[in-house]
Amino acid sequence: MRYLFVIALGCFALAVEAKSSFDSTVAKFKKLSGSVSVSVVDLNSGKEILDIGAAQKLSPASLTKLISSALVLEQFGPDYRLKTELLSSVAKPNAKAELPDLYIRGYGDPMFITEDLYIVTQELRLMGVKKISGDLVLDTSFFNATNLEINETTDHSTRAYSAKLSATSLNFNSVTLKPVHGDQGCRLSVDPIDTGYIQLNTEGKLNTGDPIRGKLLSSSNDSEKYKITGCLKTGYVSVQNPSMYFAQNLKKFLELQGIEHSGAIRFASTPKSASVLYSHPSKPLYQLIDGMNSFSNNFMSEMILLHAAAEKYGAPASYEKATKLIDDYVSKIDKSGASLVNGSGLTAENTMSCRFATKLLERISQNQLHYSAYYMSLARTGKPGTLEKRKGVSELTLAAKTGTLTSPFVVSGLAGYLQTPQNKNLAFCILINKQKDLSAAKQLQDELVLAISEKY
């Protein structure tokens, strides 16, 4: 009897301690009234069990991607694939193994990489093609411009996280620069294939203690020249003319496959009479949103939304159509809860309340097929992504999206799903705006998530 009493007393003490920790953490958030929004919903009952400015609309940064990924999942389903097509004015090569021309029609596959380009050109070789006597023609008409800027308010023109968008993209429209160390110091190699289109000006020895940064010097159809500083570790530079970058790499891979090309590179719409030689599928949508959410990839988010807008309202895709698509989707959940100008969150102009976020998370959880893909796309501790090394929540059963901006003011957000030790399944959102210290904001988020886990 005494033993049971001691156990009961211990459990009571732990409960009191958890309540005290929870109350003190909530008090910290309430002191930040006007710059925080917090909502927690019990997914079993549908009841909101914590509200700290839950209806307050703040800048969500990359929590915006929660909306974008949910939208495309509901529009297409998790197994949907985009395509990239090879076409010609003839259905097969002639007796001399020649094609008179080659059209490449893109539909905005955001994860078309070098490996895919190898497969595409290999397919031509396996068809028996040995020469393209006419032009290589890129059909980028699925988007309303050959190269689109991410719709943002700040200028990071060569940073990979703000890479330009194009219906025909390659390697996230960025170039990987790898340091090669030797007796003469550090030099950089263009990975994986150096076509000569990207030219680097390093002006003497590179500082191995600085990160790689690129400043555009000039851009033409023949080359893009960058002034490079730093050689600390592998870095990335976004290309200025991604469609031409795609074309130059295509020409190089045709050469590697033994296919000769003697014509020009140009941009035009594909004739309606053209024959499809090969249609290359993208990775399934559930893998695309995994890459988008786990690593908070702005490029993938914007590309998939543009594709979805063109499929919904008709090509060509445009930011106006993408914004309409988002607005229509937001209206299904809570029209007053979010106002977005882009789908990646790379702007402080987007606004969203945490109550909207938990309504969205609850909505997705009610469709098991969508929920499975959605949940697995979110960052988790121990999984490569934005929560991989976040020690403050490393012991929790958590799947969440992070959001961060540092300009024009600090934004830090965390939202997703939490399973407590008491087997409560919760949807939560924590948004903090305009605090001076980003790391302190993240620490405060982690503290609240831990307190919620202990209390519920």
Protein backbone atom coordinates (compact mmCIF):
# COMPACT_ATOMS: atom_id res chain seq x y z
CA MET A 1 0.00 0.00 0.00
CA ARG A 2 2.83 2.38 0.94
CA TYR A 3 4.55 1.51 -2.40
CA LEU A 4 1.44 2.49 -4.39
CA PHE A 5 1.15 5.71 -2.40
CA VAL A 6 4.75 6.63 -3.21
CA ILE A 7 4.16 6.00 -6.93
CA ALA A 8 0.99 8.10 -6.88
CA LEU A 9 2.78 10.89 -5.05
CA GLY A 10 5.61 10.79 -7.59
CA CYS A 11 3.19 10.99 -10.50
CA PHE A 12 1.41 13.92 -8.84
CA ALA A 13 4.73 15.73 -8.39
CA LEU A 14 5.62 15.22 -12.06
CA ALA A 15 2.21 16.52 -13.13
CA VAL A 16 2.62 19.62 -10.98
CA GLU A 17 6.12 20.18 -12.39
CA ALA A 18 4.85 19.81 -16.00
CA LYS A 19 2.00 22.25 -15.32
CA SER A 20 4.42 24.74 -13.81
CA SER A 21 6.75 24.46 -16.83
CA PHE A 22 3.83 24.82 -19.23
CA ASP A 23 2.38 27.86 -17.44
CA SER A 24 5.73 29.67 -17.26
CA THR A 25 6.41 29.07 -20.97
CA VAL A 26 2.94 30.24 -21.97
CA ALA A 27 3.50 33.36 -19.88
CA LYS A 28 6.66 34.13 -21.88
CA PHE A 29 4.65 33.99 -25.10
CA LYS A 30 1.84 36.15 -23.74
CA LYS A 31 4.41 38.86 -22.99
CA LEU A 32 5.15 38.95 -26.73
CA SER A 33 1.53 39.73 -27.60
CA GLY A 34 1.16 41.09 -31.13
CA SER A 35 4.28 39.39 -32.45
CA VAL A 36 3.35 35.77 -31.75
CA SER A 37 0.62 33.41 -32.89
CA VAL A 38 0.14 29.98 -31.32
CA SER A 39 -2.53 27.35 -31.90
CA VAL A 40 -2.70 23.72 -30.77
CA VAL A 41 -5.54 21.40 -31.80
CA ASP A 42 -6.36 17.94 -30.45
CA LEU A 43 -6.87 15.94 -33.66
CA ASN A 44 -9.04 13.37 -31.89
CA SER A 45 -11.62 15.87 -30.65
CA GLY A 46 -11.02 18.74 -33.08
CA LYS A 47 -10.82 21.11 -30.11
CA GLU A 48 -8.31 23.96 -29.98
CA ILE A 49 -6.57 23.40 -26.64
CA LEU A 50 -4.13 26.31 -26.75
CA ASP A 51 -4.70 29.79 -28.15
CA ILE A 52 -2.12 32.56 -27.83
CA GLY A 53 -3.02 35.11 -30.47
CA ALA A 54 -4.12 32.17 -32.65
CA ALA A 55 -6.05 34.45 -35.03
CA GLN A 56 -3.18 36.94 -35.34
CA LYS A 57 -1.88 37.00 -38.94
CA LEU A 58 1.91 37.19 -39.11
CA SER A 59 4.58 36.53 -41.71
CA PRO A 60 4.89 32.72 -41.91
CA ALA A 61 8.10 32.55 -43.98
CA SER A 62 8.43 28.94 -45.23
CA LEU A 63 5.41 27.71 -43.27
CA THR A 64 3.75 28.90 -46.49
CA LYS A 65 4.90 25.59 -48.00
CA LEU A 66 2.41 23.78 -45.77
CA ILE A 67 -0.31 25.36 -47.90
CA SER A 68 1.43 24.79 -51.24
CA SER A 69 2.11 21.10 -50.61
CA ALA A 70 -1.40 20.46 -49.27
CA LEU A 71 -2.91 22.19 -52.29
CA VAL A 72 -1.06 20.13 -54.89
CA LEU A 73 -1.67 16.88 -52.99
CA GLU A 74 -5.40 17.52 -53.07
CA GLN A 75 -5.33 18.62 -56.71
CA PHE A 76 -3.30 15.72 -58.12
CA GLY A 77 -2.86 12.96 -55.52
CA PRO A 78 0.48 11.62 -54.22
CA ASP A 79 1.36 9.47 -57.25
CA TYR A 80 1.02 12.21 -59.88
CA ARG A 81 3.99 12.79 -62.19
CA LEU A 82 4.97 15.73 -64.37
CA LYS A 83 6.64 15.11 -67.73
CA THR A 84 9.32 16.37 -70.08
CA GLU A 85 8.83 15.52 -73.75
CA LEU A 86 11.12 15.02 -76.73
CA LEU A 87 9.40 15.68 -80.06
CA SER A 88 10.26 16.04 -83.73
CA SER A 89 8.56 16.87 -87.00
CA VAL A 90 9.00 13.17 -87.89
CA ALA A 91 7.99 10.09 -85.94
CA LYS A 92 11.36 8.33 -86.23
CA PRO A 93 14.86 8.90 -87.61
CA ASN A 94 15.38 8.47 -91.37
CA ALA A 95 17.50 5.82 -93.09
CA LYS A 96 20.63 7.83 -92.23
CA ALA A 97 19.67 7.75 -88.51
CA GLU A 98 18.96 11.50 -88.61
CA LEU A 99 16.27 13.70 -87.14
CA PRO A 100 15.59 17.00 -88.92
CA ASP A 101 15.00 18.77 -85.60
CA LEU A 102 14.49 18.09 -81.88
CA TYR A 103 11.97 19.86 -79.64
CA ILE A 104 12.18 19.64 -75.86
CA ARG A 105 8.90 20.59 -74.20
CA GLY A 106 9.02 21.21 -70.46
CA TYR A 107 6.13 21.23 -68.01
CA GLY A 108 8.00 22.52 -64.97
CA ASP A 109 9.49 19.34 -63.47
CA PRO A 110 11.26 20.84 -60.42
CA MET A 111 13.51 17.84 -59.86
CA PHE A 112 14.84 17.23 -63.38
CA ILE A 113 18.54 16.64 -62.79
CA THR A 114 21.63 15.50 -64.69
CA GLU A 115 20.64 11.85 -64.32
CA ASP A 116 17.33 12.58 -66.07
CA LEU A 117 19.12 14.38 -68.89
CA TYR A 118 21.33 11.33 -69.36
CA ILE A 119 18.25 9.06 -69.57
CA VAL A 120 16.51 11.37 -72.05
CA THR A 121 19.49 11.51 -74.41
CA GLN A 122 20.11 7.78 -73.99
CA GLU A 123 16.55 7.13 -75.18
CA LEU A 124 17.38 8.97 -78.41
CA ARG A 125 20.48 6.83 -78.88
CA LEU A 126 18.45 3.66 -78.26
CA MET A 127 16.00 4.80 -80.98
CA GLY A 128 18.94 4.74 -83.35
CA VAL A 129 19.42 8.51 -83.64
CA LYS A 130 22.97 9.45 -84.64
CA LYS A 131 22.47 13.00 -85.86
CA ILE A 132 20.15 15.97 -85.48
CA SER A 133 20.65 17.89 -88.68
CA GLY A 134 18.48 20.86 -87.73
CA ASP A 135 17.96 22.86 -84.56
CA LEU A 136 17.61 22.04 -80.89
CA VAL A 137 14.40 23.85 -79.93
CA LEU A 138 13.37 24.44 -76.33
CA ASP A 139 9.64 24.84 -75.84
CA THR A 140 9.22 26.76 -72.58
CA SER A 141 5.69 27.93 -73.39
CA PHE A 142 4.09 26.10 -70.46
CA PHE A 143 5.25 29.07 -68.36
CA ASN A 144 4.48 32.65 -69.42
CA ALA A 145 8.17 33.58 -69.64
CA THR A 146 11.31 31.69 -70.60
CA ASN A 147 12.88 32.49 -67.23
CA LEU A 148 10.84 33.69 -64.25
CA GLU A 149 12.09 35.40 -61.10
CA ILE A 150 10.84 34.05 -57.79
CA ASN A 151 8.28 36.62 -56.68
CA GLU A 152 10.13 38.12 -53.73
CA THR A 153 10.89 41.49 -52.22
CA THR A 154 14.64 41.09 -51.70
CA ASP A 155 17.42 40.65 -54.24
CA HIS A 156 19.55 37.52 -53.95
CA SER A 157 20.08 37.06 -57.66
CA THR A 158 22.81 34.39 -57.57
CA ARG A 159 21.84 32.57 -54.37
CA ALA A 160 20.54 29.04 -54.96
CA TYR A 161 17.55 29.48 -52.65
CA SER A 162 16.15 32.12 -55.03
CA ALA A 163 16.96 30.39 -58.33
CA LYS A 164 15.02 31.47 -61.40
CA LEU A 165 12.15 29.34 -62.66
CA SER A 166 11.67 27.79 -66.10
CA ALA A 167 9.46 25.17 -67.72
CA THR A 168 12.67 23.36 -68.68
CA SER A 169 14.83 23.28 -65.57
CA LEU A 170 17.99 21.39 -64.68
CA ASN A 171 19.58 20.75 -61.28
CA PHE A 172 17.25 23.24 -59.57
CA ASN A 173 18.60 25.85 -62.01
CA SER A 174 21.77 26.11 -59.96
CA VAL A 175 25.39 25.10 -60.47
CA THR A 176 27.33 23.11 -57.89
CA LEU A 177 30.86 24.40 -57.26
CA LYS A 178 33.21 21.95 -55.57
CA PRO A 179 36.53 22.95 -53.97
CA VAL A 180 39.62 21.10 -55.20
CA HIS A 181 42.62 21.60 -52.92
CA GLY A 182 46.19 21.27 -54.20
CA ASP A 183 49.71 22.68 -54.03
CA GLN A 184 48.58 25.81 -55.88
CA GLY A 185 45.81 26.49 -53.37
CA CYS A 186 42.10 25.95 -53.84
CA ARG A 187 40.31 25.93 -57.18
CA LEU A 188 36.70 25.21 -58.06
CA SER A 189 35.20 22.61 -60.36
CA VAL A 190 31.75 22.82 -61.95
CA ASP A 191 29.81 19.68 -61.07
CA PRO A 192 28.74 17.34 -62.59
CA ILE A 193 29.50 18.34 -66.21
CA ASP A 194 31.42 21.43 -67.23
CA THR A 195 30.01 22.48 -70.61
CA GLY A 196 31.92 25.76 -70.65
CA TYR A 197 28.69 27.73 -70.34
CA ILE A 198 29.45 28.65 -66.71
CA GLN A 199 32.73 30.56 -66.47
CA LEU A 200 34.40 31.42 -63.17
CA ASN A 201 36.64 34.38 -62.42
CA THR A 202 38.46 33.78 -59.12
CA GLU A 203 41.12 36.53 -59.38
CA GLY A 204 43.97 34.90 -57.48
CA LYS A 205 43.87 32.58 -54.51
CA LEU A 206 40.53 31.78 -52.95
CA ASN A 207 40.12 32.09 -49.20
CA THR A 208 39.48 28.61 -47.83
CA GLY A 209 37.90 30.12 -44.72
CA ASP A 210 35.06 31.86 -46.58
CA PRO A 211 31.91 30.26 -48.06
CA ILE A 212 31.58 30.21 -51.85
CA ARG A 213 29.73 33.24 -53.21
CA GLY A 214 29.15 34.25 -56.82
CA LYS A 215 28.59 37.69 -58.34
CA LEU A 216 27.34 37.84 -61.93
CA LEU A 217 29.72 39.66 -64.28
CA SER A 218 27.98 39.02 -67.61
CA SER A 219 25.38 36.78 -69.24
CA SER A 220 24.79 35.84 -72.89
CA ASN A 221 23.53 32.89 -74.92
CA ASP A 222 27.09 31.54 -75.01
CA SER A 223 28.13 31.89 -71.38
CA GLU A 224 27.54 33.24 -67.91
CA LYS A 225 30.54 34.71 -66.11
CA TYR A 226 30.78 34.95 -62.33
CA LYS A 227 33.26 36.46 -59.93
CA ILE A 228 33.76 33.86 -57.21
CA THR A 229 34.97 34.37 -53.67
CA GLY A 230 35.53 31.74 -50.98
CA CYS A 231 36.47 28.07 -51.11
CA LEU A 232 35.36 26.71 -47.73
CA LYS A 233 33.07 23.91 -48.89
CA THR A 234 30.75 22.96 -51.75
CA GLY A 235 28.66 25.94 -52.80
CA TYR A 236 25.89 26.76 -55.24
CA VAL A 237 25.22 29.59 -57.69
CA SER A 238 21.89 30.06 -59.46
CA VAL A 239 22.10 30.50 -63.22
CA GLN A 240 20.66 33.61 -64.87
CA ASN A 241 19.36 31.95 -68.04
CA PRO A 242 18.27 28.47 -66.91
CA SER A 243 16.66 27.57 -70.24
CA MET A 244 19.92 28.23 -72.10
CA TYR A 245 21.79 26.37 -69.36
CA PHE A 246 19.47 23.42 -69.99
CA ALA A 247 20.05 23.64 -73.74
CA GLN A 248 23.83 23.78 -73.44
CA ASN A 249 23.82 20.74 -71.17
CA LEU A 250 21.47 18.90 -73.53
CA LYS A 251 23.86 19.56 -76.41
CA LYS A 252 26.76 18.22 -74.31
CA PHE A 253 24.89 15.05 -73.35
CA LEU A 254 23.89 14.40 -76.96
CA GLU A 255 27.58 14.58 -77.79
CA LEU A 256 28.40 12.12 -74.97
CA GLN A 257 25.80 9.74 -76.41
CA GLY A 258 27.47 9.97 -79.82
CA ILE A 259 24.68 12.05 -81.36
CA GLU A 260 25.88 14.81 -83.65
CA HIS A 261 24.17 18.19 -83.76
CA SER A 262 25.01 20.76 -86.43
CA GLY A 263 22.16 23.25 -86.06
CA ALA A 264 21.39 26.14 -83.72
CA ILE A 265 19.78 26.38 -80.29
CA ARG A 266 16.54 28.36 -80.28
CA PHE A 267 13.30 28.81 -78.37
CA ALA A 268 9.86 28.27 -79.91
CA SER A 269 6.55 26.51 -79.35
CA THR A 270 6.29 22.97 -80.64
CA PRO A 271 4.20 22.59 -83.83
CA LYS A 272 0.90 20.80 -83.22
CA SER A 273 1.86 18.28 -85.90
CA ALA A 274 5.05 17.21 -84.06
CA SER A 275 5.38 13.62 -82.92
CA VAL A 276 6.31 12.67 -79.35
CA LEU A 277 9.47 10.57 -79.45
CA TYR A 278 9.76 10.08 -75.69
CA SER A 279 7.95 11.32 -72.58
CA HIS A 280 10.09 11.36 -69.45
CA PRO A 281 8.22 11.14 -66.11
CA SER A 282 9.19 13.12 -63.04
CA LYS A 283 9.47 11.58 -59.61
CA PRO A 284 6.03 11.04 -58.04
CA LEU A 285 4.49 14.02 -56.28
CA TYR A 286 4.96 12.56 -52.80
CA GLN A 287 8.73 12.57 -53.41
CA LEU A 288 8.63 16.10 -54.82
CA ILE A 289 6.85 17.53 -51.76
CA ASP A 290 9.26 15.60 -49.54
CA GLY A 291 12.14 17.52 -51.12
CA MET A 292 10.12 20.74 -50.86
CA ASN A 293 9.22 20.43 -47.18
CA SER A 294 12.10 18.53 -45.60
CA PHE A 295 14.69 20.97 -46.96
CA SER A 296 12.34 23.96 -47.38
CA ASN A 297 13.14 24.22 -51.09
CA ASN A 298 11.75 27.51 -52.47
CA PHE A 299 12.45 26.59 -56.10
CA MET A 300 10.46 23.35 -55.92
CA SER A 301 7.52 25.01 -54.21
CA GLU A 302 7.18 27.76 -56.83
CA MET A 303 7.69 25.36 -59.75
CA ILE A 304 5.04 22.88 -58.59
CA LEU A 305 2.55 25.68 -57.92
CA LEU A 306 3.07 27.16 -61.39
CA HIS A 307 2.53 23.71 -62.92
CA ALA A 308 -0.63 23.23 -60.84
CA ALA A 309 -1.95 26.66 -61.88
CA ALA A 310 -1.41 25.89 -65.58
CA GLU A 311 -3.17 22.54 -65.22
CA LYS A 312 -6.08 24.17 -63.39
CA TYR A 313 -6.59 27.33 -65.44
CA GLY A 314 -4.73 26.55 -68.66
CA ALA A 315 -1.23 27.26 -69.92
CA PRO A 316 0.81 29.33 -69.79
CA ALA A 317 1.45 29.35 -66.06
CA SER A 318 1.87 32.75 -64.43
CA TYR A 319 2.21 34.18 -60.96
CA GLU A 320 -1.27 35.66 -61.31
CA LYS A 321 -2.74 32.20 -61.91
CA ALA A 322 -0.67 30.69 -59.09
CA THR A 323 -1.89 33.38 -56.69
CA LYS A 324 -5.50 32.73 -57.75
CA LEU A 325 -4.97 29.01 -57.16
CA ILE A 326 -3.71 29.69 -53.63
CA ASP A 327 -6.53 32.14 -52.89
CA ASP A 328 -9.15 29.65 -54.02
CA TYR A 329 -7.64 26.94 -51.82
CA VAL A 330 -7.31 29.23 -48.78
CA SER A 331 -11.00 30.13 -49.16
CA LYS A 332 -11.93 26.47 -48.70
CA ILE A 333 -10.34 26.52 -45.23
CA ASP A 334 -10.64 30.06 -43.86
CA LYS A 335 -10.51 33.02 -46.24
CA SER A 336 -9.56 35.44 -43.46
CA GLY A 337 -6.75 33.24 -42.13
CA ALA A 338 -4.07 33.71 -44.79
CA SER A 339 -3.05 36.12 -47.54
CA LEU A 340 -0.23 35.00 -49.82
CA VAL A 341 1.65 36.57 -52.73
CA ASN A 342 3.80 33.50 -53.40
CA GLY A 343 3.94 29.82 -52.55
CA SER A 344 7.42 29.49 -51.06
CA GLY A 345 7.41 32.09 -48.29
CA LEU A 346 10.49 33.90 -49.58
CA THR A 347 8.87 37.23 -48.76
CA ALA A 348 7.64 39.03 -45.67
CA GLU A 349 4.45 40.04 -47.55
CA ASN A 350 2.76 36.67 -46.95
CA THR A 351 0.61 36.57 -43.81
CA MET A 352 -1.02 33.65 -42.01
CA SER A 353 -2.49 32.94 -38.60
CA CYS A 354 -1.61 29.85 -36.62
CA ARG A 355 -5.29 29.03 -36.33
CA PHE A 356 -5.39 28.78 -40.12
CA ALA A 357 -2.32 26.50 -40.04
CA THR A 358 -3.87 24.06 -37.54
CA LYS A 359 -7.13 24.04 -39.52
CA LEU A 360 -5.08 23.11 -42.59
CA LEU A 361 -3.15 20.41 -40.72
CA GLU A 362 -6.42 19.00 -39.36
CA ARG A 363 -7.98 19.00 -42.84
CA ILE A 364 -5.10 16.98 -44.33
CA SER A 365 -5.14 14.50 -41.43
CA GLN A 366 -8.70 13.52 -42.34
CA ASN A 367 -7.65 12.00 -45.69
CA GLN A 368 -5.39 9.04 -44.95
CA LEU A 369 -3.84 8.86 -48.42
CA HIS A 370 -2.95 12.55 -48.44
CA TYR A 371 -1.98 12.56 -44.76
CA SER A 372 0.54 9.76 -45.17
CA ALA A 373 2.38 11.57 -47.99
CA TYR A 374 2.08 14.93 -46.23
CA TYR A 375 3.33 13.68 -42.86
CA MET A 376 6.30 11.90 -44.43
CA SER A 377 7.25 15.07 -46.34
CA LEU A 378 7.73 17.09 -43.17
CA ALA A 379 11.04 17.50 -41.39
CA ARG A 380 11.71 15.12 -38.51
CA THR A 381 14.53 14.70 -36.04
CA GLY A 382 17.02 12.13 -37.33
CA LYS A 383 15.85 12.63 -40.92
CA PRO A 384 17.91 14.79 -43.31
CA GLY A 385 16.29 18.19 -43.40
CA THR A 386 15.70 21.33 -41.37
CA LEU A 387 15.08 19.51 -38.04
CA GLU A 388 17.88 16.98 -38.37
CA LYS A 389 20.15 18.74 -35.87
CA ARG A 390 17.58 20.63 -33.80
CA LYS A 391 18.44 19.23 -30.37
CA GLY A 392 15.68 21.04 -28.48
CA VAL A 393 13.00 18.70 -29.87
CA SER A 394 15.16 15.66 -30.67
CA GLU A 395 13.37 13.33 -28.23
CA LEU A 396 9.86 14.11 -29.46
CA THR A 397 7.66 12.27 -31.97
CA LEU A 398 7.41 15.26 -34.23
CA ALA A 399 6.90 16.00 -37.93
CA ALA A 400 7.00 19.69 -38.73
CA LYS A 401 7.76 22.47 -41.16
CA THR A 402 10.17 25.22 -40.18
CA GLY A 403 10.07 28.81 -41.39
CA THR A 404 12.81 31.42 -41.22
CA LEU A 405 13.42 34.92 -42.56
CA THR A 406 16.03 37.42 -41.42
CA SER A 407 15.05 40.38 -43.64
CA PRO A 408 13.33 42.82 -43.49
CA PHE A 409 12.68 41.45 -39.98
CA VAL A 410 13.22 38.18 -38.15
CA VAL A 411 10.59 35.46 -38.67
CA SER A 412 10.71 32.05 -37.04
CA GLY A 413 7.99 29.44 -37.31
CA LEU A 414 7.39 25.80 -36.46
CA ALA A 415 4.20 23.91 -37.33
CA GLY A 416 3.17 20.31 -37.83
CA TYR A 417 2.13 17.19 -35.96
CA LEU A 418 3.09 16.09 -32.44
CA GLN A 419 2.36 12.80 -30.71
CA THR A 420 2.68 13.17 -26.95
CA PRO A 421 3.88 10.47 -24.50
CA GLN A 422 0.21 10.16 -23.51
CA ASN A 423 -0.58 9.24 -27.17
CA LYS A 424 -2.38 12.48 -27.90
CA ASN A 425 -2.18 13.45 -31.57
CA LEU A 426 -1.88 17.20 -31.89
CA ALA A 427 -1.63 19.73 -34.72
CA PHE A 428 0.35 22.77 -33.66
CA CYS A 429 1.68 26.05 -35.00
CA ILE A 430 4.05 28.55 -33.37
CA LEU A 431 4.90 31.79 -35.18
CA ILE A 432 7.22 34.50 -33.87
CA ASN A 433 7.85 37.78 -35.72
CA LYS A 434 10.15 40.74 -35.17
CA GLN A 435 12.32 39.37 -32.37
CA LYS A 436 15.95 40.47 -32.40
CA ASP A 437 17.51 37.06 -31.81
CA LEU A 438 16.60 34.24 -34.23
CA SER A 439 18.24 31.51 -32.14
CA ALA A 440 16.37 32.71 -29.03
CA ALA A 441 13.08 32.54 -30.97
CA LYS A 442 13.79 28.94 -31.99
CA GLN A 443 14.71 28.05 -28.42
CA LEU A 444 11.44 29.52 -27.19
CA GLN A 445 9.51 27.46 -29.78
CA ASP A 446 11.27 24.29 -28.67
CA GLU A 447 10.53 25.10 -25.04
CA LEU A 448 6.82 25.44 -25.78
CA VAL A 449 6.63 22.24 -27.84
CA LEU A 450 8.31 20.34 -24.98
CA ALA A 451 5.91 21.86 -22.47
CA ILE A 452 2.91 20.96 -24.66
CA SER A 453 4.21 17.38 -24.99
CA GLU A 454 4.57 17.06 -21.23
CA LYS A 455 1.16 18.60 -20.41
CA TYR A 456 -0.98 16.74 -22.92
